[in-house]
Amino acid sequence: MLEALRKSVFLSIGALALTEEKIQKLTDKFIQKGKLRQKEEKSLVNEFQKVMQAHKTKLITMVNEHVKNLLKELNLATKTNLTELEQRLKKDFGKVENRLTKLEKQVKTQRTK
């Protein structure tokens, strides 16, 4: 499922890149035919790039949201979860070590009696 999402994102980004290339070729043809001036081409290309950037940003946001939802559905541990668990384990391990030390002292005391 994650792989399918990944592929669709790359396809979308590839399509955006191809579209930008096509626009550049199209504007070049219009300039050659005299239907578009150089200044107009720059303005048109700049406007197109702004639109493309907005779509790219929306796509990235959408993908991030889908990935977050997918990870939530899979109920996987987050980095925060793992860090918290590590801290708890260190604390508990410290308690076990202290208890073990006390028990060892008790055993030594009982043996010497």
PDB file of N, CA and C in Angstrom:
ATOM      1  N   MET A   1       0.829  -1.194   0.000  1.00  0.00           N
ATOM      2  CA  MET A   1       0.000   0.000   0.000  1.00  0.00           C
ATOM      3  C   MET A   1       0.873   1.257   0.000  1.00  0.00           C
ATOM      4  N   LEU A   2       1.896   1.247   0.837  1.00  0.00           N
ATOM      5  CA  LEU A   2       2.813   2.374   0.898  1.00  0.00           C
ATOM      6  C   LEU A   2       3.561   2.527  -0.417  1.00  0.00           C
ATOM      7  N   GLU A   3       3.906   1.403  -1.035  1.00  0.00           N
ATOM      8  CA  GLU A   3       4.609   1.426  -2.314  1.00  0.00           C
ATOM      9  C   GLU A   3       3.727   2.039  -3.403  1.00  0.00           C
ATOM     10  N   ALA A   4       2.450   1.724  -3.398  1.00  0.00           N
ATOM     11  CA  ALA A   4       1.522   2.280  -4.384  1.00  0.00           C
ATOM     12  C   ALA A   4       1.414   3.790  -4.212  1.00  0.00           C
ATOM     13  N   LEU A   5       1.368   4.238  -2.975  1.00  0.00           N
ATOM     14  CA  LEU A   5       1.307   5.670  -2.697  1.00  0.00           C
ATOM     15  C   LEU A   5       2.584   6.347  -3.189  1.00  0.00           C
ATOM     16  N   ARG A   6       3.704   5.721  -2.911  1.00  0.00           N
ATOM     17  CA  ARG A   6       5.005   6.262  -3.322  1.00  0.00           C
ATOM     18  C   ARG A   6       5.061   6.397  -4.845  1.00  0.00           C
ATOM     19  N   LYS A   7       4.627   5.358  -5.555  1.00  0.00           N
ATOM     20  CA  LYS A   7       4.642   5.387  -7.015  1.00  0.00           C
ATOM     21  C   LYS A   7       3.737   6.485  -7.564  1.00  0.00           C
ATOM     22  N   SER A   8       2.567   6.636  -6.975  1.00  0.00           N
ATOM     23  CA  SER A   8       1.634   7.657  -7.471  1.00  0.00           C
ATOM     24  C   SER A   8       2.199   9.059  -7.252  1.00  0.00           C
ATOM     25  N   VAL A   9       2.908   9.264  -6.157  1.00  0.00           N
ATOM     26  CA  VAL A   9       3.529  10.570  -5.905  1.00  0.00           C
ATOM     27  C   VAL A   9       4.585  10.854  -6.955  1.00  0.00           C
ATOM     28  N   PHE A  10       5.446   9.875  -7.219  1.00  0.00           N
ATOM     29  CA  PHE A  10       6.489  10.081  -8.217  1.00  0.00           C
ATOM     30  C   PHE A  10       5.889  10.301  -9.610  1.00  0.00           C
ATOM     31  N   LEU A  11       4.810   9.607  -9.914  1.00  0.00           N
ATOM     32  CA  LEU A  11       4.145   9.824 -11.201  1.00  0.00           C
ATOM     33  C   LEU A  11       3.592  11.239 -11.300  1.00  0.00           C
ATOM     34  N   SER A  12       3.007  11.717 -10.207  1.00  0.00           N
ATOM     35  CA  SER A  12       2.452  13.068 -10.195  1.00  0.00           C
ATOM     36  C   SER A  12       3.541  14.116 -10.378  1.00  0.00           C
ATOM     37  N   ILE A  13       4.638  13.936  -9.665  1.00  0.00           N
ATOM     38  CA  ILE A  13       5.749  14.888  -9.782  1.00  0.00           C
ATOM     39  C   ILE A  13       6.333  14.829 -11.191  1.00  0.00           C
ATOM     40  N   GLY A  14       6.441  13.618 -11.733  1.00  0.00           N
ATOM     41  CA  GLY A  14       6.927  13.474 -13.106  1.00  0.00           C
ATOM     42  C   GLY A  14       6.009  14.151 -14.108  1.00  0.00           C
ATOM     43  N   ALA A  15       4.714  14.015 -13.893  1.00  0.00           N
ATOM     44  CA  ALA A  15       3.735  14.661 -14.779  1.00  0.00           C
ATOM     45  C   ALA A  15       3.867  16.173 -14.702  1.00  0.00           C
ATOM     46  N   LEU A  16       4.084  16.698 -13.495  1.00  0.00           N
ATOM     47  CA  LEU A  16       4.268  18.140 -13.349  1.00  0.00           C
ATOM     48  C   LEU A  16       5.508  18.607 -14.099  1.00  0.00           C
ATOM     49  N   ALA A  17       6.576  17.849 -14.006  1.00  0.00           N
ATOM     50  CA  ALA A  17       7.819  18.209 -14.696  1.00  0.00           C
ATOM     51  C   ALA A  17       7.618  18.163 -16.208  1.00  0.00           C
ATOM     52  N   LEU A  18       6.939  17.134 -16.701  1.00  0.00           N
ATOM     53  CA  LEU A  18       6.672  17.032 -18.130  1.00  0.00           C
ATOM     54  C   LEU A  18       5.805  18.179 -18.614  1.00  0.00           C
ATOM     55  N   THR A  19       4.823  18.544 -17.820  1.00  0.00           N
ATOM     56  CA  THR A  19       3.936  19.640 -18.185  1.00  0.00           C
ATOM     57  C   THR A  19       4.721  20.932 -18.311  1.00  0.00           C
ATOM     58  N   GLU A  20       5.629  21.171 -17.384  1.00  0.00           N
ATOM     59  CA  GLU A  20       6.456  22.386 -17.433  1.00  0.00           C
ATOM     60  C   GLU A  20       7.300  22.400 -18.710  1.00  0.00           C
ATOM     61  N   GLU A  21       7.847  21.240 -19.060  1.00  0.00           N
ATOM     62  CA  GLU A  21       8.638  21.119 -20.278  1.00  0.00           C
ATOM     63  C   GLU A  21       7.771  21.427 -21.502  1.00  0.00           C
ATOM     64  N   LYS A  22       6.567  20.885 -21.506  1.00  0.00           N
ATOM     65  CA  LYS A  22       5.649  21.095 -22.636  1.00  0.00           C
ATOM     66  C   LYS A  22       5.294  22.580 -22.774  1.00  0.00           C
ATOM     67  N   ILE A  23       5.046  23.246 -21.660  1.00  0.00           N
ATOM     68  CA  ILE A  23       4.722  24.676 -21.695  1.00  0.00           C
ATOM     69  C   ILE A  23       5.881  25.465 -22.291  1.00  0.00           C
ATOM     70  N   GLN A  24       7.098  25.125 -21.889  1.00  0.00           N
ATOM     71  CA  GLN A  24       8.266  25.826 -22.417  1.00  0.00           C
ATOM     72  C   GLN A  24       8.368  25.624 -23.924  1.00  0.00           C
ATOM     73  N   LYS A  25       8.169  24.392 -24.393  1.00  0.00           N
ATOM     74  CA  LYS A  25       8.225  24.115 -25.837  1.00  0.00           C
ATOM     75  C   LYS A  25       7.118  24.853 -26.581  1.00  0.00           C
ATOM     76  N   LEU A  26       5.927  24.875 -25.980  1.00  0.00           N
ATOM     77  CA  LEU A  26       4.788  25.539 -26.597  1.00  0.00           C
ATOM     78  C   LEU A  26       5.030  27.039 -26.720  1.00  0.00           C
ATOM     79  N   THR A  27       5.530  27.649 -25.652  1.00  0.00           N
ATOM     80  CA  THR A  27       5.804  29.092 -25.704  1.00  0.00           C
ATOM     81  C   THR A  27       6.911  29.395 -26.718  1.00  0.00           C
ATOM     82  N   ASP A  28       7.899  28.500 -26.813  1.00  0.00           N
ATOM     83  CA  ASP A  28       8.966  28.682 -27.811  1.00  0.00           C
ATOM     84  C   ASP A  28       8.385  28.656 -29.225  1.00  0.00           C
ATOM     85  N   LYS A  29       7.443  27.757 -29.467  1.00  0.00           N
ATOM     86  CA  LYS A  29       6.803  27.676 -30.793  1.00  0.00           C
ATOM     87  C   LYS A  29       6.009  28.957 -31.081  1.00  0.00           C
ATOM     88  N   PHE A  30       5.286  29.456 -30.092  1.00  0.00           N
ATOM     89  CA  PHE A  30       4.516  30.688 -30.281  1.00  0.00           C
ATOM     90  C   PHE A  30       5.433  31.869 -30.581  1.00  0.00           C
ATOM     91  N   ILE A  31       6.586  31.898 -29.950  1.00  0.00           N
ATOM     92  CA  ILE A  31       7.554  32.982 -30.210  1.00  0.00           C
ATOM     93  C   ILE A  31       8.060  32.869 -31.642  1.00  0.00           C
ATOM     94  N   GLN A  32       8.400  31.655 -32.070  1.00  0.00           N
ATOM     95  CA  GLN A  32       8.900  31.443 -33.438  1.00  0.00           C
ATOM     96  C   GLN A  32       7.867  31.847 -34.485  1.00  0.00           C
ATOM     97  N   LYS A  33       6.595  31.600 -34.178  1.00  0.00           N
ATOM     98  CA  LYS A  33       5.533  31.932 -35.121  1.00  0.00           C
ATOM     99  C   LYS A  33       5.120  33.398 -35.025  1.00  0.00           C
ATOM    100  N   GLY A  34       5.683  34.099 -34.051  1.00  0.00           N
ATOM    101  CA  GLY A  34       5.361  35.505 -33.889  1.00  0.00           C
ATOM    102  C   GLY A  34       4.059  35.761 -33.151  1.00  0.00           C
ATOM    103  N   LYS A  35       3.500  34.756 -32.526  1.00  0.00           N
ATOM    104  CA  LYS A  35       2.239  34.907 -31.800  1.00  0.00           C
ATOM    105  C   LYS A  35       2.467  35.304 -30.341  1.00  0.00           C
ATOM    106  N   LEU A  36       3.707  35.293 -29.915  1.00  0.00           N
ATOM    107  CA  LEU A  36       4.041  35.619 -28.532  1.00  0.00           C
ATOM    108  C   LEU A  36       5.377  36.338 -28.523  1.00  0.00           C
ATOM    109  N   ARG A  37       5.467  37.396 -27.737  1.00  0.00           N
ATOM    110  CA  ARG A  37       6.729  38.130 -27.617  1.00  0.00           C
ATOM    111  C   ARG A  37       7.545  37.571 -26.462  1.00  0.00           C
ATOM    112  N   GLN A  38       8.849  37.841 -26.488  1.00  0.00           N
ATOM    113  CA  GLN A  38       9.774  37.339 -25.465  1.00  0.00           C
ATOM    114  C   GLN A  38       9.321  37.748 -24.058  1.00  0.00           C
ATOM    115  N   LYS A  39       8.903  39.028 -23.908  1.00  0.00           N
ATOM    116  CA  LYS A  39       8.457  39.506 -22.593  1.00  0.00           C
ATOM    117  C   LYS A  39       7.233  38.732 -22.126  1.00  0.00           C
ATOM    118  N   GLU A  40       6.323  38.485 -23.041  1.00  0.00           N
ATOM    119  CA  GLU A  40       5.102  37.753 -22.703  1.00  0.00           C
ATOM    120  C   GLU A  40       5.427  36.315 -22.305  1.00  0.00           C
ATOM    121  N   GLU A  41       6.416  35.753 -22.995  1.00  0.00           N
ATOM    122  CA  GLU A  41       6.805  34.373 -22.690  1.00  0.00           C
ATOM    123  C   GLU A  41       7.317  34.280 -21.257  1.00  0.00           C
ATOM    124  N   LYS A  42       8.185  35.211 -20.873  1.00  0.00           N
ATOM    125  CA  LYS A  42       8.734  35.188 -19.511  1.00  0.00           C
ATOM    126  C   LYS A  42       7.622  35.317 -18.484  1.00  0.00           C
ATOM    127  N   SER A  43       6.685  36.197 -18.745  1.00  0.00           N
ATOM    128  CA  SER A  43       5.564  36.399 -17.833  1.00  0.00           C
ATOM    129  C   SER A  43       4.715  35.131 -17.740  1.00  0.00           C
ATOM    130  N   LEU A  44       4.446  34.532 -18.900  1.00  0.00           N
ATOM    131  CA  LEU A  44       3.638  33.318 -18.952  1.00  0.00           C
ATOM    132  C   LEU A  44       4.340  32.161 -18.230  1.00  0.00           C
ATOM    133  N   VAL A  45       5.628  32.019 -18.479  1.00  0.00           N
ATOM    134  CA  VAL A  45       6.394  30.944 -17.839  1.00  0.00           C
ATOM    135  C   VAL A  45       6.455  31.176 -16.328  1.00  0.00           C
ATOM    136  N   ASN A  46       6.674  32.412 -15.895  1.00  0.00           N
ATOM    137  CA  ASN A  46       6.705  32.717 -14.461  1.00  0.00           C
ATOM    138  C   ASN A  46       5.366  32.406 -13.800  1.00  0.00           C
ATOM    139  N   GLU A  47       4.292  32.796 -14.473  1.00  0.00           N
ATOM    140  CA  GLU A  47       2.962  32.518 -13.934  1.00  0.00           C
ATOM    141  C   GLU A  47       2.728  31.012 -13.826  1.00  0.00           C
ATOM    142  N   PHE A  48       3.137  30.300 -14.864  1.00  0.00           N
ATOM    143  CA  PHE A  48       2.993  28.840 -14.852  1.00  0.00           C
ATOM    144  C   PHE A  48       3.809  28.222 -13.726  1.00  0.00           C
ATOM    145  N   GLN A  49       5.028  28.713 -13.525  1.00  0.00           N
ATOM    146  CA  GLN A  49       5.877  28.166 -12.466  1.00  0.00           C
ATOM    147  C   GLN A  49       5.254  28.391 -11.085  1.00  0.00           C
ATOM    148  N   LYS A  50       4.607  29.542 -10.897  1.00  0.00           N
ATOM    149  CA  LYS A  50       3.930  29.811  -9.620  1.00  0.00           C
ATOM    150  C   LYS A  50       2.796  28.802  -9.396  1.00  0.00           C
ATOM    151  N   VAL A  51       2.032  28.562 -10.460  1.00  0.00           N
ATOM    152  CA  VAL A  51       0.927  27.606 -10.364  1.00  0.00           C
ATOM    153  C   VAL A  51       1.472  26.204 -10.086  1.00  0.00           C
ATOM    154  N   MET A  52       2.543  25.834 -10.784  1.00  0.00           N
ATOM    155  CA  MET A  52       3.153  24.517 -10.583  1.00  0.00           C
ATOM    156  C   MET A  52       3.660  24.361  -9.151  1.00  0.00           C
ATOM    157  N   GLN A  53       4.282  25.409  -8.614  1.00  0.00           N
ATOM    158  CA  GLN A  53       4.802  25.353  -7.244  1.00  0.00           C
ATOM    159  C   GLN A  53       3.654  25.178  -6.241  1.00  0.00           C
ATOM    160  N   ALA A  54       2.558  25.891  -6.487  1.00  0.00           N
ATOM    161  CA  ALA A  54       1.391  25.761  -5.608  1.00  0.00           C
ATOM    162  C   ALA A  54       0.848  24.329  -5.652  1.00  0.00           C
ATOM    163  N   HIS A  55       0.769  23.749  -6.842  1.00  0.00           N
ATOM    164  CA  HIS A  55       0.287  22.373  -6.973  1.00  0.00           C
ATOM    165  C   HIS A  55       1.256  21.394  -6.325  1.00  0.00           C
ATOM    166  N   LYS A  56       2.541  21.656  -6.484  1.00  0.00           N
ATOM    167  CA  LYS A  56       3.557  20.790  -5.881  1.00  0.00           C
ATOM    168  C   LYS A  56       3.442  20.832  -4.357  1.00  0.00           C
ATOM    169  N   THR A  57       3.258  22.030  -3.807  1.00  0.00           N
ATOM    170  CA  THR A  57       3.109  22.184  -2.363  1.00  0.00           C
ATOM    171  C   THR A  57       1.868  21.454  -1.873  1.00  0.00           C
ATOM    172  N   LYS A  58       0.766  21.604  -2.602  1.00  0.00           N
ATOM    173  CA  LYS A  58      -0.469  20.898  -2.230  1.00  0.00           C
ATOM    174  C   LYS A  58      -0.277  19.386  -2.292  1.00  0.00           C
ATOM    175  N   LEU A  59       0.423  18.926  -3.316  1.00  0.00           N
ATOM    176  CA  LEU A  59       0.668  17.500  -3.471  1.00  0.00           C
ATOM    177  C   LEU A  59       1.509  16.968  -2.315  1.00  0.00           C
ATOM    178  N   ILE A  60       2.551  17.683  -1.963  1.00  0.00           N
ATOM    179  CA  ILE A  60       3.415  17.256  -0.850  1.00  0.00           C
ATOM    180  C   ILE A  60       2.619  17.221   0.450  1.00  0.00           C
ATOM    181  N   THR A  61       1.796  18.239   0.685  1.00  0.00           N
ATOM    182  CA  THR A  61       0.969  18.276   1.892  1.00  0.00           C
ATOM    183  C   THR A  61       0.003  17.095   1.910  1.00  0.00           C
ATOM    184  N   MET A  62      -0.620  16.839   0.787  1.00  0.00           N
ATOM    185  CA  MET A  62      -1.570  15.737   0.683  1.00  0.00           C
ATOM    186  C   MET A  62      -0.877  14.396   0.942  1.00  0.00           C
ATOM    187  N   VAL A  63       0.277  14.200   0.364  1.00  0.00           N
ATOM    188  CA  VAL A  63       1.020  12.954   0.553  1.00  0.00           C
ATOM    189  C   VAL A  63       1.418  12.794   2.018  1.00  0.00           C
ATOM    190  N   ASN A  64       1.902  13.870   2.626  1.00  0.00           N
ATOM    191  CA  ASN A  64       2.279  13.811   4.044  1.00  0.00           C
ATOM    192  C   ASN A  64       1.096  13.407   4.911  1.00  0.00           C
ATOM    193  N   GLU A  65      -0.063  13.966   4.639  1.00  0.00           N
ATOM    194  CA  GLU A  65      -1.262  13.626   5.402  1.00  0.00           C
ATOM    195  C   GLU A  65      -1.638  12.159   5.203  1.00  0.00           C
ATOM    196  N   HIS A  66      -1.556  11.682   3.961  1.00  0.00           N
ATOM    197  CA  HIS A  66      -1.894  10.286   3.684  1.00  0.00           C
ATOM    198  C   HIS A  66      -0.918   9.342   4.387  1.00  0.00           C
ATOM    199  N   VAL A  67       0.347   9.688   4.381  1.00  0.00           N
ATOM    200  CA  VAL A  67       1.345   8.843   5.043  1.00  0.00           C
ATOM    201  C   VAL A  67       1.095   8.820   6.554  1.00  0.00           C
ATOM    202  N   LYS A  68       0.819  10.004   7.135  1.00  0.00           N
ATOM    203  CA  LYS A  68       0.521  10.061   8.572  1.00  0.00           C
ATOM    204  C   LYS A  68      -0.689   9.191   8.904  1.00  0.00           C
ATOM    205  N   ASN A  69      -1.741   9.301   8.092  1.00  0.00           N
ATOM    206  CA  ASN A  69      -2.953   8.499   8.325  1.00  0.00           C
ATOM    207  C   ASN A  69      -2.669   7.011   8.173  1.00  0.00           C
ATOM    208  N   LEU A  70      -1.870   6.671   7.173  1.00  0.00           N
ATOM    209  CA  LEU A  70      -1.521   5.272   6.956  1.00  0.00           C
ATOM    210  C   LEU A  70      -0.736   4.724   8.138  1.00  0.00           C
ATOM    211  N   LEU A  71       0.235   5.469   8.618  1.00  0.00           N
ATOM    212  CA  LEU A  71       1.018   5.026   9.769  1.00  0.00           C
ATOM    213  C   LEU A  71       0.151   4.904  11.011  1.00  0.00           C
ATOM    214  N   LYS A  72      -0.806   5.824  11.151  1.00  0.00           N
ATOM    215  CA  LYS A  72      -1.718   5.768  12.292  1.00  0.00           C
ATOM    216  C   LYS A  72      -2.587   4.508  12.205  1.00  0.00           C
ATOM    217  N   GLU A  73      -3.081   4.201  11.009  1.00  0.00           N
ATOM    218  CA  GLU A  73      -3.904   3.011  10.817  1.00  0.00           C
ATOM    219  C   GLU A  73      -3.109   1.740  11.087  1.00  0.00           C
ATOM    220  N   LEU A  74      -1.844   1.742  10.735  1.00  0.00           N
ATOM    221  CA  LEU A  74      -1.007   0.569  10.947  1.00  0.00           C
ATOM    222  C   LEU A  74      -0.615   0.414  12.412  1.00  0.00           C
ATOM    223  N   ASN A  75      -0.866   1.464  13.190  1.00  0.00           N
ATOM    224  CA  ASN A  75      -0.603   1.449  14.624  1.00  0.00           C
ATOM    225  C   ASN A  75       0.870   1.153  14.928  1.00  0.00           C
ATOM    226  N   LEU A  76       1.757   1.776  14.158  1.00  0.00           N
ATOM    227  CA  LEU A  76       3.190   1.602  14.367  1.00  0.00           C
ATOM    228  C   LEU A  76       3.680   2.560  15.443  1.00  0.00           C
ATOM    229  N   ALA A  77       4.725   2.152  16.117  1.00  0.00           N
ATOM    230  CA  ALA A  77       5.310   3.011  17.145  1.00  0.00           C
ATOM    231  C   ALA A  77       6.005   4.192  16.484  1.00  0.00           C
ATOM    232  N   THR A  78       5.852   5.349  17.101  1.00  0.00           N
ATOM    233  CA  THR A  78       6.523   6.539  16.600  1.00  0.00           C
ATOM    234  C   THR A  78       7.869   6.682  17.293  1.00  0.00           C
ATOM    235  N   LYS A  79       8.667   7.586  16.813  1.00  0.00           N
ATOM    236  CA  LYS A  79       9.968   7.847  17.438  1.00  0.00           C
ATOM    237  C   LYS A  79       9.768   8.289  18.891  1.00  0.00           C
ATOM    238  N   THR A  80       8.755   9.098  19.117  1.00  0.00           N
ATOM    239  CA  THR A  80       8.438   9.550  20.478  1.00  0.00           C
ATOM    240  C   THR A  80       8.064   8.368  21.361  1.00  0.00           C
ATOM    241  N   ASN A  81       7.236   7.464  20.824  1.00  0.00           N
ATOM    242  CA  ASN A  81       6.863   6.264  21.585  1.00  0.00           C
ATOM    243  C   ASN A  81       8.096   5.460  21.982  1.00  0.00           C
ATOM    244  N   LEU A  82       8.993   5.285  21.032  1.00  0.00           N
ATOM    245  CA  LEU A  82      10.191   4.486  21.292  1.00  0.00           C
ATOM    246  C   LEU A  82      11.107   5.164  22.307  1.00  0.00           C
ATOM    247  N   THR A  83      11.215   6.466  22.228  1.00  0.00           N
ATOM    248  CA  THR A  83      12.044   7.211  23.183  1.00  0.00           C
ATOM    249  C   THR A  83      11.470   7.088  24.587  1.00  0.00           C
ATOM    250  N   GLU A  84      10.151   7.239  24.698  1.00  0.00           N
ATOM    251  CA  GLU A  84       9.494   7.096  26.003  1.00  0.00           C
ATOM    252  C   GLU A  84       9.688   5.686  26.564  1.00  0.00           C
ATOM    253  N   LEU A  85       9.553   4.685  25.709  1.00  0.00           N
ATOM    254  CA  LEU A  85       9.736   3.303  26.134  1.00  0.00           C
ATOM    255  C   LEU A  85      11.176   3.069  26.595  1.00  0.00           C
ATOM    256  N   GLU A  86      12.113   3.620  25.862  1.00  0.00           N
ATOM    257  CA  GLU A  86      13.521   3.485  26.240  1.00  0.00           C
ATOM    258  C   GLU A  86      13.776   4.084  27.623  1.00  0.00           C
ATOM    259  N   GLN A  87      13.211   5.264  27.877  1.00  0.00           N
ATOM    260  CA  GLN A  87      13.380   5.907  29.182  1.00  0.00           C
ATOM    261  C   GLN A  87      12.777   5.060  30.303  1.00  0.00           C
ATOM    262  N   ARG A  88      11.584   4.518  30.054  1.00  0.00           N
ATOM    263  CA  ARG A  88      10.938   3.664  31.058  1.00  0.00           C
ATOM    264  C   ARG A  88      11.766   2.414  31.335  1.00  0.00           C
ATOM    265  N   LEU A  89      12.310   1.827  30.266  1.00  0.00           N
ATOM    266  CA  LEU A  89      13.126   0.622  30.432  1.00  0.00           C
ATOM    267  C   LEU A  89      14.399   0.914  31.221  1.00  0.00           C
ATOM    268  N   LYS A  90      15.032   2.041  30.939  1.00  0.00           N
ATOM    269  CA  LYS A  90      16.232   2.424  31.684  1.00  0.00           C
ATOM    270  C   LYS A  90      15.905   2.591  33.166  1.00  0.00           C
ATOM    271  N   LYS A  91      14.790   3.252  33.426  1.00  0.00           N
ATOM    272  CA  LYS A  91      14.367   3.474  34.813  1.00  0.00           C
ATOM    273  C   LYS A  91      14.085   2.138  35.500  1.00  0.00           C
ATOM    274  N   ASP A  92      13.320   1.272  34.819  1.00  0.00           N
ATOM    275  CA  ASP A  92      12.981  -0.029  35.389  1.00  0.00           C
ATOM    276  C   ASP A  92      14.230  -0.902  35.557  1.00  0.00           C
ATOM    277  N   PHE A  93      15.134  -0.828  34.615  1.00  0.00           N
ATOM    278  CA  PHE A  93      16.363  -1.607  34.700  1.00  0.00           C
ATOM    279  C   PHE A  93      17.190  -1.143  35.901  1.00  0.00           C
ATOM    280  N   GLY A  94      17.204   0.152  36.127  1.00  0.00           N
ATOM    281  CA  GLY A  94      17.898   0.695  37.295  1.00  0.00           C
ATOM    282  C   GLY A  94      17.298   0.157  38.591  1.00  0.00           C
ATOM    283  N   LYS A  95      15.988   0.089  38.645  1.00  0.00           N
ATOM    284  CA  LYS A  95      15.313  -0.453  39.830  1.00  0.00           C
ATOM    285  C   LYS A  95      15.663  -1.925  40.032  1.00  0.00           C
ATOM    286  N   VAL A  96      15.683  -2.681  38.955  1.00  0.00           N
ATOM    287  CA  VAL A  96      16.010  -4.104  39.032  1.00  0.00           C
ATOM    288  C   VAL A  96      17.454  -4.274  39.519  1.00  0.00           C
ATOM    289  N   GLU A  97      18.366  -3.465  38.996  1.00  0.00           N
ATOM    290  CA  GLU A  97      19.765  -3.543  39.439  1.00  0.00           C
ATOM    291  C   GLU A  97      19.884  -3.240  40.936  1.00  0.00           C
ATOM    292  N   ASN A  98      19.180  -2.208  41.391  1.00  0.00           N
ATOM    293  CA  ASN A  98      19.207  -1.862  42.822  1.00  0.00           C
ATOM    294  C   ASN A  98      18.662  -3.009  43.668  1.00  0.00           C
ATOM    295  N   ARG A  99      17.564  -3.584  43.224  1.00  0.00           N
ATOM    296  CA  ARG A  99      16.949  -4.689  43.973  1.00  0.00           C
ATOM    297  C   ARG A  99      17.894  -5.888  44.002  1.00  0.00           C
ATOM    298  N   LEU A 100      18.538  -6.167  42.879  1.00  0.00           N
ATOM    299  CA  LEU A 100      19.474  -7.279  42.797  1.00  0.00           C
ATOM    300  C   LEU A 100      20.661  -7.056  43.736  1.00  0.00           C
ATOM    301  N   THR A 101      21.160  -5.857  43.783  1.00  0.00           N
ATOM    302  CA  THR A 101      22.266  -5.519  44.677  1.00  0.00           C
ATOM    303  C   THR A 101      21.858  -5.749  46.132  1.00  0.00           C
ATOM    304  N   LYS A 102      20.665  -5.318  46.506  1.00  0.00           N
ATOM    305  CA  LYS A 102      20.169  -5.516  47.872  1.00  0.00           C
ATOM    306  C   LYS A 102      20.040  -7.003  48.199  1.00  0.00           C
ATOM    307  N   LEU A 103      19.509  -7.767  47.243  1.00  0.00           N
ATOM    308  CA  LEU A 103      19.350  -9.204  47.469  1.00  0.00           C
ATOM    309  C   LEU A 103      20.707  -9.901  47.620  1.00  0.00           C
ATOM    310  N   GLU A 104      21.673  -9.486  46.808  1.00  0.00           N
ATOM    311  CA  GLU A 104      23.017 -10.070  46.914  1.00  0.00           C
ATOM    312  C   GLU A 104      23.616  -9.783  48.297  1.00  0.00           C
ATOM    313  N   LYS A 105      23.411  -8.566  48.798  1.00  0.00           N
ATOM    314  CA  LYS A 105      23.910  -8.209  50.129  1.00  0.00           C
ATOM    315  C   LYS A 105      23.234  -9.062  51.199  1.00  0.00           C
ATOM    316  N   GLN A 106      21.919  -9.271  51.030  1.00  0.00           N
ATOM    317  CA  GLN A 106      21.183 -10.093  52.011  1.00  0.00           C
ATOM    318  C   GLN A 106      21.711 -11.525  52.009  1.00  0.00           C
ATOM    319  N   VAL A 107      21.969 -12.068  50.830  1.00  0.00           N
ATOM    320  CA  VAL A 107      22.467 -13.440  50.722  1.00  0.00           C
ATOM    321  C   VAL A 107      23.845 -13.532  51.381  1.00  0.00           C
ATOM    322  N   LYS A 108      24.711 -12.564  51.132  1.00  0.00           N
ATOM    323  CA  LYS A 108      26.041 -12.567  51.748  1.00  0.00           C
ATOM    324  C   LYS A 108      25.937 -12.474  53.267  1.00  0.00           C
ATOM    325  N   THR A 109      25.027 -11.631  53.729  1.00  0.00           N
ATOM    326  CA  THR A 109      24.834 -11.457  55.174  1.00  0.00           C
ATOM    327  C   THR A 109      24.368 -12.767  55.796  1.00  0.00           C
ATOM    328  N   GLN A 110      23.429 -13.436  55.147  1.00  0.00           N
ATOM    329  CA  GLN A 110      22.885 -14.692  55.673  1.00  0.00           C
ATOM    330  C   GLN A 110      23.949 -15.796  55.666  1.00  0.00           C
ATOM    331  N   ARG A 111      24.834 -15.807  54.695  1.00  0.00           N
ATOM    332  CA  ARG A 111      25.868 -16.821  54.604  1.00  0.00           C
ATOM    333  C   ARG A 111      26.910 -16.636  55.703  1.00  0.00           C
ATOM    334  N   THR A 112      27.170 -15.393  56.080  1.00  0.00           N
ATOM    335  CA  THR A 112      28.178 -15.133  57.098  1.00  0.00           C
ATOM    336  C   THR A 112      27.663 -15.402  58.501  1.00  0.00           C
ATOM    337  N   LYS A 113      26.388 -15.533  58.643  1.00  0.00           N
ATOM    338  CA  LYS A 113      25.807 -15.790  59.988  1.00  0.00           C
ATOM    339  C   LYS A 113      25.927 -17.208  60.396  1.00  0.00           C
TER     340      LYS A 113
END
